[in-house]
Amino acid sequence: MRNYPTLLMLPAIFQSVAVLSDELVFHRKRGLPRWERLGHPLDTLSVVACLLWLLTRPFTPHALAIYVLLALFSTLLVTKDEWVHASHCPPGEHWLHSILFALHPMMLGAAAGLWFLAVDGKDSGLFFPVIGAQAALAASFAVYQAVYWNFRDRRSRA
């Protein structure tokens, strides 16, 4: 099916919308305590590491195995704060986090799917521009998270 590469971009698009909603609606409203100000950029950097792995390695069984480990680590890392969120977040934010937790491994799996299609010659030239843009946007978002929440936001930092 010719639309596979396009369909594989959907989890990243949905995840981006959900992450921006979390950031611009919930985080801006309540502010972030120190553990989130430090942890969120690390979560985002774990995604960047996964995407950079794909961009810098040919698709081989060994490279795929390492990618799976990186993706599993990233997927577990983003859940690290959820037990603490119980006392800090409203129900809507919890629901949005559940959506993000579902989309995270889908997005990483879809990126691996694009990686495979690029090797198989079925990606229509989308792999490097799409994954490269996604990595650049994620890295930029990590920088924003670190700078905005640790240097620009003047609210109380409990």
C-alpha atoms as a PDB file:
ATOM      1  CA  MET A   1       0.000   0.000   0.000  1.00  0.00           C
ATOM      2  CA  ARG A   2       1.440   3.336  -1.045  1.00  0.00           C
ATOM      3  CA  ASN A   3       0.061   5.259   1.925  1.00  0.00           C
ATOM      4  CA  TYR A   4       2.080   3.418   4.588  1.00  0.00           C
ATOM      5  CA  PRO A   5       4.732   6.140   4.894  1.00  0.00           C
ATOM      6  CA  THR A   6       2.066   8.821   5.281  1.00  0.00           C
ATOM      7  CA  LEU A   7       0.127   6.758   7.821  1.00  0.00           C
ATOM      8  CA  LEU A   8       3.323   6.172   9.788  1.00  0.00           C
ATOM      9  CA  MET A   9       3.624   9.926  10.331  1.00  0.00           C
ATOM     10  CA  LEU A  10       0.250  10.147  12.108  1.00  0.00           C
ATOM     11  CA  PRO A  11       1.410   9.030  15.597  1.00  0.00           C
ATOM     12  CA  ALA A  12       4.077  11.765  15.608  1.00  0.00           C
ATOM     13  CA  ILE A  13       1.530  14.379  14.541  1.00  0.00           C
ATOM     14  CA  PHE A  14      -0.966  13.285  17.196  1.00  0.00           C
ATOM     15  CA  GLN A  15       1.750  13.126  19.849  1.00  0.00           C
ATOM     16  CA  SER A  16       2.957  16.629  18.957  1.00  0.00           C
ATOM     17  CA  VAL A  17      -0.545  18.037  19.302  1.00  0.00           C
ATOM     18  CA  ALA A  18      -1.010  16.278  22.656  1.00  0.00           C
ATOM     19  CA  VAL A  19       2.390  17.408  24.002  1.00  0.00           C
ATOM     20  CA  LEU A  20       1.740  21.013  22.991  1.00  0.00           C
ATOM     21  CA  SER A  21      -1.714  20.855  24.575  1.00  0.00           C
ATOM     22  CA  ASP A  22      -0.195  19.562  27.809  1.00  0.00           C
ATOM     23  CA  GLU A  23       2.456  22.266  27.720  1.00  0.00           C
ATOM     24  CA  LEU A  24       0.332  25.239  26.720  1.00  0.00           C
ATOM     25  CA  VAL A  25      -2.829  24.410  28.652  1.00  0.00           C
ATOM     26  CA  PHE A  26      -1.926  22.453  31.772  1.00  0.00           C
ATOM     27  CA  HIS A  27       1.718  23.282  32.447  1.00  0.00           C
ATOM     28  CA  ARG A  28       1.266  26.999  31.856  1.00  0.00           C
ATOM     29  CA  LYS A  29      -1.764  27.052  34.143  1.00  0.00           C
ATOM     30  CA  ARG A  30      -0.224  25.270  37.133  1.00  0.00           C
ATOM     31  CA  GLY A  31       3.505  25.876  36.652  1.00  0.00           C
ATOM     32  CA  LEU A  32       6.056  23.123  37.056  1.00  0.00           C
ATOM     33  CA  PRO A  33       7.856  22.050  40.224  1.00  0.00           C
ATOM     34  CA  ARG A  34      11.589  21.344  40.048  1.00  0.00           C
ATOM     35  CA  TRP A  35      11.255  17.614  39.354  1.00  0.00           C
ATOM     36  CA  GLU A  36       9.176  18.360  36.237  1.00  0.00           C
ATOM     37  CA  ARG A  37      11.364  21.266  35.121  1.00  0.00           C
ATOM     38  CA  LEU A  38      14.299  18.850  35.041  1.00  0.00           C
ATOM     39  CA  GLY A  39      12.494  15.678  34.019  1.00  0.00           C
ATOM     40  CA  HIS A  40      10.526  16.889  31.021  1.00  0.00           C
ATOM     41  CA  PRO A  41      13.561  17.958  28.975  1.00  0.00           C
ATOM     42  CA  LEU A  42      15.151  14.565  29.767  1.00  0.00           C
ATOM     43  CA  ASP A  43      12.021  12.809  28.518  1.00  0.00           C
ATOM     44  CA  THR A  44      12.183  14.776  25.294  1.00  0.00           C
ATOM     45  CA  LEU A  45      15.906  14.128  24.892  1.00  0.00           C
ATOM     46  CA  SER A  46      15.251  10.390  25.170  1.00  0.00           C
ATOM     47  CA  VAL A  47      13.050  10.722  22.077  1.00  0.00           C
ATOM     48  CA  VAL A  48      15.755  12.734  20.323  1.00  0.00           C
ATOM     49  CA  ALA A  49      18.272   9.966  21.089  1.00  0.00           C
ATOM     50  CA  CYS A  50      15.979   7.392  19.504  1.00  0.00           C
ATOM     51  CA  LEU A  51      15.450   9.471  16.376  1.00  0.00           C
ATOM     52  CA  LEU A  52      19.136  10.307  16.027  1.00  0.00           C
ATOM     53  CA  TRP A  53      19.927   6.592  16.256  1.00  0.00           C
ATOM     54  CA  LEU A  54      17.645   5.983  13.279  1.00  0.00           C
ATOM     55  CA  LEU A  55      19.153   8.834  11.295  1.00  0.00           C
ATOM     56  CA  THR A  56      22.750   7.787  11.850  1.00  0.00           C
ATOM     57  CA  ARG A  57      22.562   3.999  11.484  1.00  0.00           C
ATOM     58  CA  PRO A  58      21.761   1.720   8.588  1.00  0.00           C
ATOM     59  CA  PHE A  59      18.898  -0.671   9.228  1.00  0.00           C
ATOM     60  CA  THR A  60      20.456  -3.925  10.452  1.00  0.00           C
ATOM     61  CA  PRO A  61      19.215  -6.515  12.950  1.00  0.00           C
ATOM     62  CA  HIS A  62      21.811  -5.266  15.473  1.00  0.00           C
ATOM     63  CA  ALA A  63      20.873  -1.599  14.983  1.00  0.00           C
ATOM     64  CA  LEU A  64      17.195  -2.513  15.293  1.00  0.00           C
ATOM     65  CA  ALA A  65      17.828  -4.373  18.563  1.00  0.00           C
ATOM     66  CA  ILE A  66      19.600  -1.339  20.025  1.00  0.00           C
ATOM     67  CA  TYR A  67      16.795   0.915  18.805  1.00  0.00           C
ATOM     68  CA  VAL A  68      14.225  -1.294  20.521  1.00  0.00           C
ATOM     69  CA  LEU A  69      16.191  -0.950  23.781  1.00  0.00           C
ATOM     70  CA  LEU A  70      16.402   2.838  23.358  1.00  0.00           C
ATOM     71  CA  ALA A  71      12.680   3.017  22.598  1.00  0.00           C
ATOM     72  CA  LEU A  72      11.807   0.855  25.610  1.00  0.00           C
ATOM     73  CA  PHE A  73      13.970   3.032  27.850  1.00  0.00           C
ATOM     74  CA  SER A  74      12.321   6.190  26.498  1.00  0.00           C
ATOM     75  CA  THR A  75       8.848   4.726  26.916  1.00  0.00           C
ATOM     76  CA  LEU A  76       9.539   3.807  30.533  1.00  0.00           C
ATOM     77  CA  LEU A  77      11.323   7.091  31.257  1.00  0.00           C
ATOM     78  CA  VAL A  78       8.309   9.209  30.309  1.00  0.00           C
ATOM     79  CA  THR A  79       6.206   7.391  32.923  1.00  0.00           C
ATOM     80  CA  LYS A  80       8.657   8.077  35.780  1.00  0.00           C
ATOM     81  CA  ASP A  81       6.731  11.012  37.266  1.00  0.00           C
ATOM     82  CA  GLU A  82       3.199   9.741  36.972  1.00  0.00           C
ATOM     83  CA  TRP A  83       2.929   8.593  40.566  1.00  0.00           C
ATOM     84  CA  VAL A  84       3.792  12.130  41.710  1.00  0.00           C
ATOM     85  CA  HIS A  85       1.419  13.721  39.209  1.00  0.00           C
ATOM     86  CA  ALA A  86      -1.472  12.267  41.233  1.00  0.00           C
ATOM     87  CA  SER A  87      -1.175  15.132  43.703  1.00  0.00           C
ATOM     88  CA  HIS A  88      -0.267  17.878  41.207  1.00  0.00           C
ATOM     89  CA  CYS A  89      -2.463  17.454  38.141  1.00  0.00           C
ATOM     90  CA  PRO A  90      -6.160  17.878  37.422  1.00  0.00           C
ATOM     91  CA  PRO A  91      -8.124  14.958  35.898  1.00  0.00           C
ATOM     92  CA  GLY A  92      -7.933  16.396  32.376  1.00  0.00           C
ATOM     93  CA  GLU A  93      -4.161  16.417  32.529  1.00  0.00           C
ATOM     94  CA  HIS A  94      -4.130  12.806  33.735  1.00  0.00           C
ATOM     95  CA  TRP A  95      -6.280  11.847  30.773  1.00  0.00           C
ATOM     96  CA  LEU A  96      -3.963  13.683  28.395  1.00  0.00           C
ATOM     97  CA  HIS A  97      -0.970  11.885  29.935  1.00  0.00           C
ATOM     98  CA  SER A  98      -2.668   8.547  29.291  1.00  0.00           C
ATOM     99  CA  ILE A  99      -3.039   9.539  25.641  1.00  0.00           C
ATOM    100  CA  LEU A 100       0.636  10.543  25.539  1.00  0.00           C
ATOM    101  CA  PHE A 101       1.694   7.232  27.105  1.00  0.00           C
ATOM    102  CA  ALA A 102      -0.234   5.356  24.419  1.00  0.00           C
ATOM    103  CA  LEU A 103       1.149   7.499  21.579  1.00  0.00           C
ATOM    104  CA  HIS A 104       4.794   7.389  22.717  1.00  0.00           C
ATOM    105  CA  PRO A 105       5.574   3.784  21.720  1.00  0.00           C
ATOM    106  CA  MET A 106       3.355   4.118  18.635  1.00  0.00           C
ATOM    107  CA  MET A 107       5.395   7.106  17.457  1.00  0.00           C
ATOM    108  CA  LEU A 108       8.697   5.325  18.098  1.00  0.00           C
ATOM    109  CA  GLY A 109       7.421   2.201  16.350  1.00  0.00           C
ATOM    110  CA  ALA A 110       6.201   4.232  13.392  1.00  0.00           C
ATOM    111  CA  ALA A 111       9.615   5.923  13.129  1.00  0.00           C
ATOM    112  CA  ALA A 112      11.202   2.463  13.003  1.00  0.00           C
ATOM    113  CA  GLY A 113       8.680   1.537  10.320  1.00  0.00           C
ATOM    114  CA  LEU A 114       9.806   4.498   8.225  1.00  0.00           C
ATOM    115  CA  TRP A 115      13.406   3.427   8.809  1.00  0.00           C
ATOM    116  CA  PHE A 116      12.622  -0.047   7.482  1.00  0.00           C
ATOM    117  CA  LEU A 117      10.691   1.308   4.497  1.00  0.00           C
ATOM    118  CA  ALA A 118      13.627   3.554   3.618  1.00  0.00           C
ATOM    119  CA  VAL A 119      15.882   0.501   3.422  1.00  0.00           C
ATOM    120  CA  ASP A 120      13.254  -1.444   1.503  1.00  0.00           C
ATOM    121  CA  GLY A 121      12.920   1.403  -1.016  1.00  0.00           C
ATOM    122  CA  LYS A 122       9.256   2.051  -0.206  1.00  0.00           C
ATOM    123  CA  ASP A 123       9.418   5.296   1.748  1.00  0.00           C
ATOM    124  CA  SER A 124       9.043   7.703  -1.206  1.00  0.00           C
ATOM    125  CA  GLY A 125      11.988   9.707   0.118  1.00  0.00           C
ATOM    126  CA  LEU A 126      10.203  10.628   3.352  1.00  0.00           C
ATOM    127  CA  PHE A 127      12.449   9.012   5.943  1.00  0.00           C
ATOM    128  CA  PHE A 128      15.286  11.530   6.258  1.00  0.00           C
ATOM    129  CA  PRO A 129      13.171  14.694   5.915  1.00  0.00           C
ATOM    130  CA  VAL A 130      10.419  13.467   8.245  1.00  0.00           C
ATOM    131  CA  ILE A 131      12.590  11.880  10.941  1.00  0.00           C
ATOM    132  CA  GLY A 132      15.160  14.674  10.612  1.00  0.00           C
ATOM    133  CA  ALA A 133      12.472  17.327  11.091  1.00  0.00           C
ATOM    134  CA  GLN A 134      10.973  15.391  13.975  1.00  0.00           C
ATOM    135  CA  ALA A 135      14.376  15.105  15.675  1.00  0.00           C
ATOM    136  CA  ALA A 136      15.090  18.814  15.133  1.00  0.00           C
ATOM    137  CA  LEU A 137      11.679  19.829  16.484  1.00  0.00           C
ATOM    138  CA  ALA A 138      12.032  17.543  19.507  1.00  0.00           C
ATOM    139  CA  ALA A 139      15.535  18.876  20.248  1.00  0.00           C
ATOM    140  CA  SER A 140      14.242  22.439  19.954  1.00  0.00           C
ATOM    141  CA  PHE A 141      11.366  21.593  22.284  1.00  0.00           C
ATOM    142  CA  ALA A 142      13.811  20.130  24.839  1.00  0.00           C
ATOM    143  CA  VAL A 143      15.811  23.369  24.746  1.00  0.00           C
ATOM    144  CA  TYR A 144      12.605  25.383  25.121  1.00  0.00           C
ATOM    145  CA  GLN A 145      11.527  23.220  28.088  1.00  0.00           C
ATOM    146  CA  ALA A 146      14.863  23.626  29.828  1.00  0.00           C
ATOM    147  CA  VAL A 147      15.172  27.370  29.203  1.00  0.00           C
ATOM    148  CA  TYR A 148      11.565  28.434  29.717  1.00  0.00           C
ATOM    149  CA  TRP A 149      10.862  26.437  32.857  1.00  0.00           C
ATOM    150  CA  ASN A 150      14.247  26.891  34.508  1.00  0.00           C
ATOM    151  CA  PHE A 151      15.100  30.479  33.553  1.00  0.00           C
ATOM    152  CA  ARG A 152      12.091  32.322  32.131  1.00  0.00           C
ATOM    153  CA  ASP A 153       9.120  31.232  34.258  1.00  0.00           C
ATOM    154  CA  ARG A 154       9.189  33.382  37.382  1.00  0.00           C
ATOM    155  CA  ARG A 155       6.543  31.547  39.406  1.00  0.00           C
ATOM    156  CA  SER A 156       7.331  29.842  42.679  1.00  0.00           C
ATOM    157  CA  ARG A 157       9.564  26.854  42.129  1.00  0.00           C
ATOM    158  CA  ALA A 158       8.550  24.348  44.772  1.00  0.00           C
END
